[in-house]
Amino acid sequence: MLYQYKCRICGCEFDDFQPMGARDFDTCPKCSCVAEKKLTPPNFSFGFTLSEESRFVPYKKDELVRNV
């Protein structure tokens, strides 16, 4: 899986492929210090997304459209 990390020291943000359930830290490519895993939303939608109208029209009932 692709995880996002942020360095504690220099603030560098980077992505790294790790096996699922990998440790919560990695080595920063810039300064070689400890970088922590960032919490990010999942990157999948189960085949449905909100329609364009549901995203941009306030108070409109949410409408799902299939994106597969």
C-alpha atoms as a PDB file:
ATOM      1  CA  MET A   1       0.000   0.000   0.000  1.00  0.00           C
ATOM      2  CA  LEU A   2       1.013   3.578  -0.534  1.00  0.00           C
ATOM      3  CA  TYR A   3       1.446   5.496   2.730  1.00  0.00           C
ATOM      4  CA  GLN A   4       2.177   9.183   3.294  1.00  0.00           C
ATOM      5  CA  TYR A   5       4.848  10.238   5.800  1.00  0.00           C
ATOM      6  CA  LYS A   6       5.952  13.555   7.316  1.00  0.00           C
ATOM      7  CA  CYS A   7       9.390  14.154   8.845  1.00  0.00           C
ATOM      8  CA  ARG A   8       9.481  15.336  12.469  1.00  0.00           C
ATOM      9  CA  ILE A   9      12.611  17.431  11.929  1.00  0.00           C
ATOM     10  CA  CYS A  10      12.572  19.052   8.464  1.00  0.00           C
ATOM     11  CA  GLY A  11       8.819  18.731   7.700  1.00  0.00           C
ATOM     12  CA  CYS A  12       9.454  16.904   4.424  1.00  0.00           C
ATOM     13  CA  GLU A  13       6.376  14.977   3.174  1.00  0.00           C
ATOM     14  CA  PHE A  14       6.798  11.899   0.995  1.00  0.00           C
ATOM     15  CA  ASP A  15       5.017   8.721  -0.112  1.00  0.00           C
ATOM     16  CA  ASP A  16       6.321   5.188   0.319  1.00  0.00           C
ATOM     17  CA  PHE A  17       5.063   1.735  -0.647  1.00  0.00           C
ATOM     18  CA  GLN A  18       4.872  -0.527   2.413  1.00  0.00           C
ATOM     19  CA  PRO A  19       3.150  -3.850   3.100  1.00  0.00           C
ATOM     20  CA  MET A  20      -0.246  -3.598   4.771  1.00  0.00           C
ATOM     21  CA  GLY A  21       0.107  -3.087   8.532  1.00  0.00           C
ATOM     22  CA  ALA A  22       3.615  -1.646   8.207  1.00  0.00           C
ATOM     23  CA  ARG A  23       5.268   0.259  11.044  1.00  0.00           C
ATOM     24  CA  ASP A  24       4.106   3.802  11.766  1.00  0.00           C
ATOM     25  CA  PHE A  25       7.448   5.419  10.966  1.00  0.00           C
ATOM     26  CA  ASP A  26      10.020   5.522   8.155  1.00  0.00           C
ATOM     27  CA  THR A  27      13.304   7.282   7.383  1.00  0.00           C
ATOM     28  CA  CYS A  28      13.176  10.740   5.773  1.00  0.00           C
ATOM     29  CA  PRO A  29      14.910  10.812   2.347  1.00  0.00           C
ATOM     30  CA  LYS A  30      16.255  14.362   2.969  1.00  0.00           C
ATOM     31  CA  CYS A  31      17.680  14.295   6.500  1.00  0.00           C
ATOM     32  CA  SER A  32      17.524  10.562   7.442  1.00  0.00           C
ATOM     33  CA  CYS A  33      15.528  11.307  10.612  1.00  0.00           C
ATOM     34  CA  VAL A  34      12.332   9.627  11.761  1.00  0.00           C
ATOM     35  CA  ALA A  35       9.201  10.407   9.721  1.00  0.00           C
ATOM     36  CA  GLU A  36       5.731   9.516  11.019  1.00  0.00           C
ATOM     37  CA  LYS A  37       2.887   8.024   9.010  1.00  0.00           C
ATOM     38  CA  LYS A  38       0.119  10.536   8.244  1.00  0.00           C
ATOM     39  CA  LEU A  39      -3.543   9.629   8.603  1.00  0.00           C
ATOM     40  CA  THR A  40      -5.191   9.863   5.194  1.00  0.00           C
ATOM     41  CA  PRO A  41      -8.666   8.963   3.941  1.00  0.00           C
ATOM     42  CA  PRO A  42      -9.061   5.686   2.052  1.00  0.00           C
ATOM     43  CA  ASN A  43      -8.510   5.877  -1.679  1.00  0.00           C
ATOM     44  CA  PHE A  44     -11.465   3.851  -2.955  1.00  0.00           C
ATOM     45  CA  SER A  45     -15.149   4.497  -3.602  1.00  0.00           C
ATOM     46  CA  PHE A  46     -16.794   1.057  -4.067  1.00  0.00           C
ATOM     47  CA  GLY A  47     -17.842   2.048  -7.604  1.00  0.00           C
ATOM     48  CA  PHE A  48     -20.021   5.046  -6.661  1.00  0.00           C
ATOM     49  CA  THR A  49     -19.382   8.772  -6.223  1.00  0.00           C
ATOM     50  CA  LEU A  50     -21.532  11.826  -5.525  1.00  0.00           C
ATOM     51  CA  SER A  51     -23.092  13.418  -8.595  1.00  0.00           C
ATOM     52  CA  GLU A  52     -21.833  16.849  -9.675  1.00  0.00           C
ATOM     53  CA  GLU A  53     -25.084  18.480  -8.547  1.00  0.00           C
ATOM     54  CA  SER A  54     -24.845  16.870  -5.103  1.00  0.00           C
ATOM     55  CA  ARG A  55     -21.355  18.278  -4.640  1.00  0.00           C
ATOM     56  CA  PHE A  56     -21.986  21.872  -5.662  1.00  0.00           C
ATOM     57  CA  VAL A  57     -25.691  22.632  -5.016  1.00  0.00           C
ATOM     58  CA  PRO A  58     -26.317  23.398  -1.331  1.00  0.00           C
ATOM     59  CA  TYR A  59     -29.211  21.658   0.440  1.00  0.00           C
ATOM     60  CA  LYS A  60     -29.719  19.184  -2.427  1.00  0.00           C
ATOM     61  CA  LYS A  61     -30.266  15.559  -1.469  1.00  0.00           C
ATOM     62  CA  ASP A  62     -27.141  13.463  -2.068  1.00  0.00           C
ATOM     63  CA  GLU A  63     -27.349  11.443  -5.255  1.00  0.00           C
ATOM     64  CA  LEU A  64     -24.907   8.625  -6.029  1.00  0.00           C
ATOM     65  CA  VAL A  65     -23.793   7.795  -9.578  1.00  0.00           C
ATOM     66  CA  ARG A  66     -21.920   4.689 -10.692  1.00  0.00           C
ATOM     67  CA  ASN A  67     -18.348   5.398 -11.815  1.00  0.00           C
ATOM     68  CA  VAL A  68     -17.360   1.946 -13.038  1.00  0.00           C
END
